[in-house]
Amino acid sequence: MRNRNPRNVPPINENIRFPEIRLIDNDGTQLGVMSPREAMKLAEERELDLVLVSDKANPPVCRIIDYGKYKFEQEKRAREARKRQHNAEVKEVKMRYKIDDHDYNVRVKNAQRFLKSGDKVKATVMFRGREIQHTDLAEELLNRMAKDLEEVAEIQQAPKREGRNMMMLLTPKK
C-alpha cells in the first residue's frame, strides 16, 4: 500500500503518532495535554476530525475541527495570497541618443508609471550606422534618466553597451 499522506496534508485522526499532544477544541478553548487516543475519542463524540496543527511545538498541538472545512479554508487563503502577489515584469523604453526633449519626457513618464506599478524598466538607447561612435552621449542620456527617476527607482545595472544598443536596468525603490 502506498503512502496516502502527501507533504502538504497534515496528519489527521489515526495518523497522528505522538506519545502526547496538546488539544484545542473547535471553538478555540484548550483542553490540555493528553494521549492521541483520548483526543480521538473526544473528536469522534463530536463527529469531527483530529488535525495536527503544529508538530514543532512541545507537545505537538492538535485541534478538533471539521477537516473538509479546514482544508477549504487553507486553500482559500493560498488562493488569496497568490492573487495579491505581483510578478515583476521587465518593461522597456527605447530611444535614440538624439531624442527630442518632449519625447524624452514621455519616456520618463512611462518608465515612472512602470516603476510605480512594481515592474522593472530596461532603458535602451539604439544606434544606427555611424551613431555607434557616440556611446558617451547615450551613456549621458541614460544617466540623466536615472537621475530624473531617482525618487522612484534605483539602478540595478549601470549603462552598458550590448551590440548596437546601450541599456540600463532600473528597479522600483522599496
Protein backbone atom coordinates (compact mmCIF):
# COMPACT_ATOMS: atom_id res chain seq x y z
CA MET A 1 0.00 0.00 0.00
CA ARG A 2 1.40 3.40 -0.95
CA ASN A 3 1.69 6.39 1.37
CA ARG A 4 -1.61 8.32 1.31
CA ASN A 5 -0.20 11.38 3.12
CA PRO A 6 1.25 13.91 0.63
CA ARG A 7 3.61 16.54 2.07
CA ASN A 8 1.12 19.42 2.24
CA VAL A 9 -1.60 17.46 4.08
CA PRO A 10 -1.34 17.48 7.90
CA PRO A 11 -1.73 14.14 9.71
CA ILE A 12 -5.32 13.59 10.82
CA ASN A 13 -7.09 11.16 13.16
CA GLU A 14 -5.24 7.80 13.43
CA ASN A 15 -2.18 9.09 11.54
CA ILE A 16 -1.10 11.28 14.49
CA ARG A 17 1.81 9.40 16.08
CA PHE A 18 2.98 11.15 19.23
CA PRO A 19 3.02 9.91 22.85
CA GLU A 20 1.08 13.00 23.98
CA ILE A 21 -0.46 16.08 22.37
CA ARG A 22 -1.93 19.45 23.40
CA LEU A 23 -5.58 19.54 22.36
CA ILE A 24 -7.61 22.58 21.31
CA ASP A 25 -11.39 22.39 20.88
CA ASN A 26 -13.14 23.61 17.71
CA ASP A 27 -14.15 26.86 19.47
CA GLY A 28 -10.53 27.60 20.46
CA THR A 29 -10.53 26.53 24.13
CA GLN A 30 -7.58 24.48 25.32
CA LEU A 31 -8.46 21.02 26.60
CA GLY A 32 -4.96 20.28 27.93
CA VAL A 33 -2.29 17.64 27.29
CA MET A 34 -3.44 14.06 26.63
CA SER A 35 -2.76 10.97 24.54
CA PRO A 36 -3.86 10.97 20.89
CA ARG A 37 -6.22 8.04 21.64
CA GLU A 38 -8.16 10.11 24.23
CA ALA A 39 -8.25 13.06 21.82
CA MET A 40 -9.60 10.78 19.06
CA LYS A 41 -12.45 9.67 21.35
CA LEU A 42 -13.39 13.31 22.04
CA ALA A 43 -13.31 14.11 18.30
CA GLU A 44 -15.46 11.09 17.45
CA GLU A 45 -18.02 12.07 20.10
CA ARG A 46 -18.42 15.43 18.35
CA GLU A 47 -18.35 13.81 14.88
CA LEU A 48 -15.31 15.91 13.91
CA ASP A 49 -11.67 15.20 12.98
CA LEU A 50 -8.45 15.43 14.99
CA VAL A 51 -5.97 17.51 12.94
CA LEU A 52 -2.28 18.14 13.71
CA VAL A 53 -1.86 21.92 13.60
CA SER A 54 1.76 22.28 14.76
CA ASP A 55 4.28 19.47 15.16
CA LYS A 56 7.06 21.95 16.06
CA ALA A 57 5.56 22.77 19.49
CA ASN A 58 6.30 20.71 22.59
CA PRO A 59 3.99 18.81 22.94
CA PRO A 60 2.59 18.93 19.36
CA VAL A 61 -0.68 20.84 19.00
CA CYS A 62 -3.82 19.18 17.61
CA ARG A 63 -7.26 20.63 17.04
CA ILE A 64 -10.73 19.14 16.87
CA ILE A 65 -12.25 20.52 13.65
CA ASP A 66 -14.14 19.51 10.51
CA TYR A 67 -11.22 18.55 8.24
CA GLY A 68 -13.10 19.30 5.00
CA LYS A 69 -13.84 22.83 6.17
CA TYR A 70 -10.24 23.29 7.42
CA LYS A 71 -8.80 22.17 4.06
CA PHE A 72 -11.17 24.50 2.18
CA GLU A 73 -10.10 27.47 4.35
CA GLN A 74 -6.39 26.70 3.78
CA GLU A 75 -6.90 26.54 0.00
CA LYS A 76 -8.90 29.78 0.09
CA ARG A 77 -6.07 31.55 1.96
CA ALA A 78 -3.50 30.24 -0.52
CA ARG A 79 -5.60 31.49 -3.45
CA GLU A 80 -5.90 34.95 -1.85
CA ALA A 81 -2.13 35.10 -1.27
CA ARG A 82 -1.46 34.19 -4.92
CA LYS A 83 -3.93 36.85 -6.07
CA ARG A 84 -2.20 39.56 -4.01
CA GLN A 85 1.35 38.87 -5.14
CA HIS A 86 2.67 40.83 -8.11
CA ASN A 87 5.13 39.28 -10.56
CA ALA A 88 7.54 42.00 -11.65
CA GLU A 89 7.91 42.17 -15.40
CA VAL A 90 10.67 43.94 -17.30
CA LYS A 91 9.20 46.79 -19.35
CA GLU A 92 11.35 48.51 -21.94
CA VAL A 93 11.61 52.15 -23.02
CA LYS A 94 13.53 52.63 -26.26
CA MET A 95 15.02 55.85 -27.61
CA ARG A 96 17.85 57.25 -29.69
CA TYR A 97 20.62 59.43 -28.25
CA LYS A 98 19.41 62.40 -30.36
CA ILE A 99 15.94 62.30 -28.71
CA ASP A 100 13.86 65.50 -28.51
CA ASP A 101 13.02 66.88 -25.03
CA HIS A 102 9.29 66.18 -25.30
CA ASP A 103 9.86 62.60 -26.46
CA TYR A 104 12.38 62.11 -23.67
CA ASN A 105 9.82 63.34 -21.09
CA VAL A 106 7.24 60.87 -22.47
CA ARG A 107 9.77 58.01 -21.98
CA VAL A 108 10.50 59.18 -18.42
CA LYS A 109 6.76 59.34 -17.58
CA ASN A 110 6.24 55.83 -18.99
CA ALA A 111 9.20 54.49 -17.03
CA GLN A 112 7.87 56.19 -13.89
CA ARG A 113 4.44 54.58 -14.41
CA PHE A 114 6.02 51.13 -14.89
CA LEU A 115 8.15 51.52 -11.77
CA LYS A 116 5.21 52.66 -9.64
CA SER A 117 3.24 49.56 -10.68
CA GLY A 118 6.16 47.42 -9.42
CA ASP A 119 7.79 46.49 -12.72
CA LYS A 120 11.46 46.77 -13.67
CA VAL A 121 12.41 49.12 -16.50
CA LYS A 122 15.02 48.46 -19.18
CA ALA A 123 16.04 51.76 -20.76
CA THR A 124 17.59 51.19 -24.19
CA VAL A 125 19.36 53.65 -26.48
CA MET A 126 19.57 52.33 -30.04
CA PHE A 127 22.33 53.20 -32.51
CA ARG A 128 22.13 53.17 -36.31
CA GLY A 129 25.09 53.18 -38.65
CA ARG A 130 27.87 55.52 -37.53
CA GLU A 131 25.94 56.68 -34.45
CA ILE A 132 27.75 53.90 -32.57
CA GLN A 133 30.69 56.34 -32.21
CA HIS A 134 28.60 58.42 -29.76
CA THR A 135 28.28 55.94 -26.90
CA ASP A 136 29.32 58.71 -24.49
CA LEU A 137 26.21 60.74 -25.42
CA ALA A 138 23.99 57.69 -24.96
CA GLU A 139 25.52 56.99 -21.54
CA GLU A 140 24.93 60.65 -20.59
CA LEU A 141 21.27 60.29 -21.62
CA LEU A 142 20.78 57.10 -19.56
CA ASN A 143 22.44 58.68 -16.51
CA ARG A 144 20.16 61.72 -16.93
CA MET A 145 17.16 59.37 -17.00
CA ALA A 146 18.37 57.60 -13.84
CA LYS A 147 18.76 60.99 -12.13
CA ASP A 148 15.24 62.05 -13.22
CA LEU A 149 13.81 58.80 -11.83
CA GLU A 150 15.93 58.62 -8.65
CA GLU A 151 12.94 59.15 -6.27
CA VAL A 152 11.09 56.07 -7.63
CA ALA A 153 13.93 53.89 -8.92
CA GLU A 154 17.38 52.59 -8.20
CA ILE A 155 19.88 51.39 -10.77
CA GLN A 156 20.14 47.59 -10.87
CA GLN A 157 22.51 47.55 -13.84
CA ALA A 158 24.54 50.58 -14.88
CA PRO A 159 24.53 51.67 -18.54
CA LYS A 160 26.49 49.23 -20.71
CA ARG A 161 26.78 48.56 -24.42
CA GLU A 162 25.29 45.43 -25.96
CA GLY A 163 25.87 45.25 -29.70
CA ARG A 164 24.19 48.22 -31.39
CA ASN A 165 22.36 49.23 -28.19
CA MET A 166 23.23 50.68 -24.82
CA MET A 167 20.99 49.63 -21.97
CA MET A 168 20.44 50.20 -18.26
CA LEU A 169 18.14 48.33 -15.84
CA LEU A 170 16.13 50.16 -13.16
CA THR A 171 14.17 48.59 -10.29
CA PRO A 172 11.46 50.23 -8.15
CA LYS A 173 12.58 51.55 -4.75
CA LYS A 174 11.26 49.63 -1.78
